[in-house]
Amino acid sequence: MRVLLKIVAVLFVAISLFLIYAVIHAMASAGGAKVGVAIGYVAGAIVLAFLASKMWRRSAGRKAAA
């Protein structure tokens, strides 16, 4: 289960990086980016990064106190 959580977390980070890349690429294009879509993509990237962080920490488990 821990490995699956880490794999999904890495996938979420990859998707969020792609969303940020899409926003940057759209802003640099000749037609520009639609503001609503760009805000949605950035918000989605933030949510995915947050969830990835939670999953990664959950997969680490609790360390036994020495």
PDB file of N, CA and C in Angstrom:
ATOM      1  N   MET A   1       0.818  -1.188   0.000  1.00  0.00           N
ATOM      2  CA  MET A   1       0.000   0.000   0.000  1.00  0.00           C
ATOM      3  C   MET A   1       0.869   1.262   0.000  1.00  0.00           C
ATOM      4  N   ARG A   2       1.976   1.207   0.719  1.00  0.00           N
ATOM      5  CA  ARG A   2       2.861   2.368   0.778  1.00  0.00           C
ATOM      6  C   ARG A   2       3.432   2.698  -0.592  1.00  0.00           C
ATOM      7  N   VAL A   3       3.786   1.665  -1.333  1.00  0.00           N
ATOM      8  CA  VAL A   3       4.357   1.894  -2.662  1.00  0.00           C
ATOM      9  C   VAL A   3       3.308   2.502  -3.589  1.00  0.00           C
ATOM     10  N   LEU A   4       2.088   2.021  -3.493  1.00  0.00           N
ATOM     11  CA  LEU A   4       1.011   2.557  -4.328  1.00  0.00           C
ATOM     12  C   LEU A   4       0.758   4.031  -4.022  1.00  0.00           C
ATOM     13  N   LEU A   5       0.776   4.406  -2.749  1.00  0.00           N
ATOM     14  CA  LEU A   5       0.590   5.807  -2.382  1.00  0.00           C
ATOM     15  C   LEU A   5       1.709   6.674  -2.945  1.00  0.00           C
ATOM     16  N   LYS A   6       2.934   6.182  -2.899  1.00  0.00           N
ATOM     17  CA  LYS A   6       4.052   6.958  -3.429  1.00  0.00           C
ATOM     18  C   LYS A   6       3.965   7.087  -4.949  1.00  0.00           C
ATOM     19  N   ILE A   7       3.534   6.040  -5.625  1.00  0.00           N
ATOM     20  CA  ILE A   7       3.387   6.094  -7.084  1.00  0.00           C
ATOM     21  C   ILE A   7       2.319   7.105  -7.471  1.00  0.00           C
ATOM     22  N   VAL A   8       1.191   7.090  -6.773  1.00  0.00           N
ATOM     23  CA  VAL A   8       0.120   8.042  -7.062  1.00  0.00           C
ATOM     24  C   VAL A   8       0.577   9.465  -6.739  1.00  0.00           C
ATOM     25  N   ALA A   9       1.339   9.632  -5.664  1.00  0.00           N
ATOM     26  CA  ALA A   9       1.843  10.965  -5.314  1.00  0.00           C
ATOM     27  C   ALA A   9       2.761  11.502  -6.405  1.00  0.00           C
ATOM     28  N   VAL A  10       3.628  10.681  -6.927  1.00  0.00           N
ATOM     29  CA  VAL A  10       4.525  11.105  -8.009  1.00  0.00           C
ATOM     30  C   VAL A  10       3.718  11.435  -9.262  1.00  0.00           C
ATOM     31  N   LEU A  11       2.699  10.656  -9.535  1.00  0.00           N
ATOM     32  CA  LEU A  11       1.835  10.927 -10.683  1.00  0.00           C
ATOM     33  C   LEU A  11       1.121  12.266 -10.517  1.00  0.00           C
ATOM     34  N   PHE A  12       0.638  12.557  -9.316  1.00  0.00           N
ATOM     35  CA  PHE A  12      -0.022  13.841  -9.059  1.00  0.00           C
ATOM     36  C   PHE A  12       0.941  15.006  -9.264  1.00  0.00           C
ATOM     37  N   VAL A  13       2.169  14.859  -8.826  1.00  0.00           N
ATOM     38  CA  VAL A  13       3.158  15.921  -9.012  1.00  0.00           C
ATOM     39  C   VAL A  13       3.449  16.115 -10.498  1.00  0.00           C
ATOM     40  N   ALA A  14       3.554  15.025 -11.238  1.00  0.00           N
ATOM     41  CA  ALA A  14       3.809  15.126 -12.675  1.00  0.00           C
ATOM     42  C   ALA A  14       2.656  15.846 -13.386  1.00  0.00           C
ATOM     43  N   ILE A  15       1.428  15.524 -13.005  1.00  0.00           N
ATOM     44  CA  ILE A  15       0.270  16.183 -13.619  1.00  0.00           C
ATOM     45  C   ILE A  15       0.246  17.661 -13.267  1.00  0.00           C
ATOM     46  N   SER A  16       0.559  17.985 -12.015  1.00  0.00           N
ATOM     47  CA  SER A  16       0.540  19.396 -11.624  1.00  0.00           C
ATOM     48  C   SER A  16       1.635  20.184 -12.345  1.00  0.00           C
ATOM     49  N   LEU A  17       2.797  19.576 -12.549  1.00  0.00           N
ATOM     50  CA  LEU A  17       3.848  20.247 -13.317  1.00  0.00           C
ATOM     51  C   LEU A  17       3.422  20.469 -14.767  1.00  0.00           C
ATOM     52  N   PHE A  18       2.723  19.492 -15.330  1.00  0.00           N
ATOM     53  CA  PHE A  18       2.225  19.644 -16.693  1.00  0.00           C
ATOM     54  C   PHE A  18       1.194  20.769 -16.774  1.00  0.00           C
ATOM     55  N   LEU A  19       0.336  20.902 -15.765  1.00  0.00           N
ATOM     56  CA  LEU A  19      -0.656  21.975 -15.769  1.00  0.00           C
ATOM     57  C   LEU A  19       0.016  23.347 -15.708  1.00  0.00           C
ATOM     58  N   ILE A  20       1.041  23.467 -14.880  1.00  0.00           N
ATOM     59  CA  ILE A  20       1.773  24.732 -14.798  1.00  0.00           C
ATOM     60  C   ILE A  20       2.467  25.025 -16.134  1.00  0.00           C
ATOM     61  N   TYR A  21       3.054  23.994 -16.736  1.00  0.00           N
ATOM     62  CA  TYR A  21       3.685  24.159 -18.051  1.00  0.00           C
ATOM     63  C   TYR A  21       2.659  24.625 -19.084  1.00  0.00           C
ATOM     64  N   ALA A  22       1.459  24.061 -19.047  1.00  0.00           N
ATOM     65  CA  ALA A  22       0.423  24.441 -20.006  1.00  0.00           C
ATOM     66  C   ALA A  22       0.034  25.904 -19.845  1.00  0.00           C
ATOM     67  N   VAL A  23      -0.039  26.380 -18.608  1.00  0.00           N
ATOM     68  CA  VAL A  23      -0.384  27.787 -18.375  1.00  0.00           C
ATOM     69  C   VAL A  23       0.730  28.697 -18.902  1.00  0.00           C
ATOM     70  N   ILE A  24       1.974  28.351 -18.604  1.00  0.00           N
ATOM     71  CA  ILE A  24       3.096  29.170 -19.068  1.00  0.00           C
ATOM     72  C   ILE A  24       3.161  29.183 -20.592  1.00  0.00           C
ATOM     73  N   HIS A  25       2.958  28.020 -21.190  1.00  0.00           N
ATOM     74  CA  HIS A  25       3.008  27.928 -22.649  1.00  0.00           C
ATOM     75  C   HIS A  25       1.857  28.716 -23.285  1.00  0.00           C
ATOM     76  N   ALA A  26       0.687  28.659 -22.700  1.00  0.00           N
ATOM     77  CA  ALA A  26      -0.459  29.391 -23.251  1.00  0.00           C
ATOM     78  C   ALA A  26      -0.255  30.896 -23.131  1.00  0.00           C
ATOM     79  N   MET A  27       0.370  31.345 -22.035  1.00  0.00           N
ATOM     80  CA  MET A  27       0.606  32.780 -21.873  1.00  0.00           C
ATOM     81  C   MET A  27       1.642  33.282 -22.876  1.00  0.00           C
ATOM     82  N   ALA A  28       2.578  32.426 -23.249  1.00  0.00           N
ATOM     83  CA  ALA A  28       3.622  32.831 -24.183  1.00  0.00           C
ATOM     84  C   ALA A  28       3.169  32.735 -25.641  1.00  0.00           C
ATOM     85  N   SER A  29       2.037  32.097 -25.887  1.00  0.00           N
ATOM     86  CA  SER A  29       1.580  31.933 -27.269  1.00  0.00           C
ATOM     87  C   SER A  29       0.974  33.234 -27.788  1.00  0.00           C
ATOM     88  N   ALA A  30       0.779  33.278 -29.079  1.00  0.00           N
ATOM     89  CA  ALA A  30       0.282  34.489 -29.711  1.00  0.00           C
ATOM     90  C   ALA A  30      -1.144  34.809 -29.282  1.00  0.00           C
ATOM     91  N   GLY A  31      -1.970  33.800 -29.121  1.00  0.00           N
ATOM     92  CA  GLY A  31      -3.369  34.025 -28.749  1.00  0.00           C
ATOM     93  C   GLY A  31      -3.557  34.341 -27.281  1.00  0.00           C
ATOM     94  N   GLY A  32      -2.572  34.044 -26.465  1.00  0.00           N
ATOM     95  CA  GLY A  32      -2.687  34.276 -25.041  1.00  0.00           C
ATOM     96  C   GLY A  32      -3.472  33.170 -24.351  1.00  0.00           C
ATOM     97  N   ALA A  33      -3.656  33.331 -23.072  1.00  0.00           N
ATOM     98  CA  ALA A  33      -4.368  32.337 -22.285  1.00  0.00           C
ATOM     99  C   ALA A  33      -5.673  32.927 -21.787  1.00  0.00           C
ATOM    100  N   LYS A  34      -6.693  32.092 -21.699  1.00  0.00           N
ATOM    101  CA  LYS A  34      -7.945  32.535 -21.098  1.00  0.00           C
ATOM    102  C   LYS A  34      -7.748  32.556 -19.588  1.00  0.00           C
ATOM    103  N   VAL A  35      -8.150  33.637 -18.964  1.00  0.00           N
ATOM    104  CA  VAL A  35      -7.880  33.843 -17.542  1.00  0.00           C
ATOM    105  C   VAL A  35      -8.550  32.774 -16.693  1.00  0.00           C
ATOM    106  N   GLY A  36      -9.783  32.455 -16.968  1.00  0.00           N
ATOM    107  CA  GLY A  36     -10.505  31.461 -16.178  1.00  0.00           C
ATOM    108  C   GLY A  36      -9.867  30.089 -16.247  1.00  0.00           C
ATOM    109  N   VAL A  37      -9.447  29.705 -17.423  1.00  0.00           N
ATOM    110  CA  VAL A  37      -8.809  28.401 -17.602  1.00  0.00           C
ATOM    111  C   VAL A  37      -7.463  28.369 -16.887  1.00  0.00           C
ATOM    112  N   ALA A  38      -6.707  29.458 -17.011  1.00  0.00           N
ATOM    113  CA  ALA A  38      -5.397  29.516 -16.357  1.00  0.00           C
ATOM    114  C   ALA A  38      -5.537  29.443 -14.840  1.00  0.00           C
ATOM    115  N   ILE A  39      -6.514  30.146 -14.294  1.00  0.00           N
ATOM    116  CA  ILE A  39      -6.733  30.091 -12.843  1.00  0.00           C
ATOM    117  C   ILE A  39      -7.151  28.688 -12.421  1.00  0.00           C
ATOM    118  N   GLY A  40      -7.992  28.052 -13.203  1.00  0.00           N
ATOM    119  CA  GLY A  40      -8.410  26.681 -12.904  1.00  0.00           C
ATOM    120  C   GLY A  40      -7.247  25.707 -12.936  1.00  0.00           C
ATOM    121  N   TYR A  41      -6.382  25.851 -13.920  1.00  0.00           N
ATOM    122  CA  TYR A  41      -5.221  24.966 -14.014  1.00  0.00           C
ATOM    123  C   TYR A  41      -4.279  25.154 -12.830  1.00  0.00           C
ATOM    124  N   VAL A  42      -4.035  26.410 -12.455  1.00  0.00           N
ATOM    125  CA  VAL A  42      -3.139  26.670 -11.324  1.00  0.00           C
ATOM    126  C   VAL A  42      -3.759  26.153 -10.036  1.00  0.00           C
ATOM    127  N   ALA A  43      -5.064  26.366  -9.860  1.00  0.00           N
ATOM    128  CA  ALA A  43      -5.737  25.853  -8.661  1.00  0.00           C
ATOM    129  C   ALA A  43      -5.693  24.334  -8.625  1.00  0.00           C
ATOM    130  N   GLY A  44      -5.898  23.708  -9.758  1.00  0.00           N
ATOM    131  CA  GLY A  44      -5.810  22.245  -9.827  1.00  0.00           C
ATOM    132  C   GLY A  44      -4.416  21.747  -9.505  1.00  0.00           C
ATOM    133  N   ALA A  45      -3.410  22.458  -9.980  1.00  0.00           N
ATOM    134  CA  ALA A  45      -2.025  22.069  -9.693  1.00  0.00           C
ATOM    135  C   ALA A  45      -1.722  22.192  -8.205  1.00  0.00           C
ATOM    136  N   ILE A  46      -2.243  23.234  -7.567  1.00  0.00           N
ATOM    137  CA  ILE A  46      -2.017  23.412  -6.130  1.00  0.00           C
ATOM    138  C   ILE A  46      -2.694  22.296  -5.339  1.00  0.00           C
ATOM    139  N   VAL A  47      -3.919  21.970  -5.716  1.00  0.00           N
ATOM    140  CA  VAL A  47      -4.641  20.890  -5.023  1.00  0.00           C
ATOM    141  C   VAL A  47      -3.927  19.556  -5.204  1.00  0.00           C
ATOM    142  N   LEU A  48      -3.490  19.270  -6.423  1.00  0.00           N
ATOM    143  CA  LEU A  48      -2.789  18.006  -6.666  1.00  0.00           C
ATOM    144  C   LEU A  48      -1.475  17.931  -5.889  1.00  0.00           C
ATOM    145  N   ALA A  49      -0.752  19.035  -5.820  1.00  0.00           N
ATOM    146  CA  ALA A  49       0.501  19.048  -5.062  1.00  0.00           C
ATOM    147  C   ALA A  49       0.233  18.844  -3.572  1.00  0.00           C
ATOM    148  N   PHE A  50      -0.834  19.455  -3.060  1.00  0.00           N
ATOM    149  CA  PHE A  50      -1.200  19.279  -1.666  1.00  0.00           C
ATOM    150  C   PHE A  50      -1.557  17.817  -1.371  1.00  0.00           C
ATOM    151  N   LEU A  51      -2.365  17.221  -2.234  1.00  0.00           N
ATOM    152  CA  LEU A  51      -2.746  15.827  -2.046  1.00  0.00           C
ATOM    153  C   LEU A  51      -1.537  14.900  -2.159  1.00  0.00           C
ATOM    154  N   ALA A  52      -0.632  15.204  -3.071  1.00  0.00           N
ATOM    155  CA  ALA A  52       0.581  14.399  -3.213  1.00  0.00           C
ATOM    156  C   ALA A  52       1.422  14.461  -1.943  1.00  0.00           C
ATOM    157  N   SER A  53       1.507  15.642  -1.362  1.00  0.00           N
ATOM    158  CA  SER A  53       2.258  15.798  -0.116  1.00  0.00           C
ATOM    159  C   SER A  53       1.638  14.970   1.003  1.00  0.00           C
ATOM    160  N   LYS A  54       0.315  15.025   1.102  1.00  0.00           N
ATOM    161  CA  LYS A  54      -0.378  14.241   2.135  1.00  0.00           C
ATOM    162  C   LYS A  54      -0.171  12.738   1.925  1.00  0.00           C
ATOM    163  N   MET A  55      -0.268  12.287   0.669  1.00  0.00           N
ATOM    164  CA  MET A  55      -0.085  10.864   0.383  1.00  0.00           C
ATOM    165  C   MET A  55       1.334  10.418   0.679  1.00  0.00           C
ATOM    166  N   TRP A  56       2.303  11.239   0.325  1.00  0.00           N
ATOM    167  CA  TRP A  56       3.704  10.874   0.554  1.00  0.00           C
ATOM    168  C   TRP A  56       3.978  10.743   2.054  1.00  0.00           C
ATOM    169  N   ARG A  57       3.455  11.688   2.815  1.00  0.00           N
ATOM    170  CA  ARG A  57       3.668  11.635   4.270  1.00  0.00           C
ATOM    171  C   ARG A  57       2.938  10.463   4.892  1.00  0.00           C
ATOM    172  N   ARG A  58       1.754  10.142   4.396  1.00  0.00           N
ATOM    173  CA  ARG A  58       0.992   9.009   4.925  1.00  0.00           C
ATOM    174  C   ARG A  58       1.719   7.689   4.624  1.00  0.00           C
ATOM    175  N   SER A  59       2.341   7.607   3.457  1.00  0.00           N
ATOM    176  CA  SER A  59       3.031   6.366   3.076  1.00  0.00           C
ATOM    177  C   SER A  59       4.286   6.140   3.910  1.00  0.00           C
ATOM    178  N   ALA A  60       4.834   7.214   4.471  1.00  0.00           N
ATOM    179  CA  ALA A  60       6.039   7.057   5.289  1.00  0.00           C
ATOM    180  C   ALA A  60       5.712   6.341   6.601  1.00  0.00           C
ATOM    181  N   GLY A  61       4.512   6.482   7.094  1.00  0.00           N
ATOM    182  CA  GLY A  61       4.128   5.822   8.336  1.00  0.00           C
ATOM    183  C   GLY A  61       4.742   6.513   9.543  1.00  0.00           C
ATOM    184  N   ARG A  62       4.430   6.001  10.683  1.00  0.00           N
ATOM    185  CA  ARG A  62       4.971   6.582  11.920  1.00  0.00           C
ATOM    186  C   ARG A  62       6.206   5.799  12.334  1.00  0.00           C
ATOM    187  N   LYS A  63       7.231   6.551  12.708  1.00  0.00           N
ATOM    188  CA  LYS A  63       8.469   5.933  13.175  1.00  0.00           C
ATOM    189  C   LYS A  63       8.326   5.603  14.655  1.00  0.00           C
ATOM    190  N   ALA A  64       8.862   4.496  15.058  1.00  0.00           N
ATOM    191  CA  ALA A  64       8.815   4.112  16.465  1.00  0.00           C
ATOM    192  C   ALA A  64       9.796   4.968  17.255  1.00  0.00           C
ATOM    193  N   ALA A  65       9.357   5.430  18.396  1.00  0.00           N
ATOM    194  CA  ALA A  65      10.250   6.242  19.246  1.00  0.00           C
ATOM    195  C   ALA A  65      11.315   5.347  19.860  1.00  0.00           C
ATOM    196  N   ALA A  66      12.532   5.852  19.866  1.00  0.00           N
ATOM    197  CA  ALA A  66      13.636   5.030  20.378  1.00  0.00           C
ATOM    198  C   ALA A  66      13.802   5.152  21.865  1.00  0.00           C
TER     199      ALA A  66
END
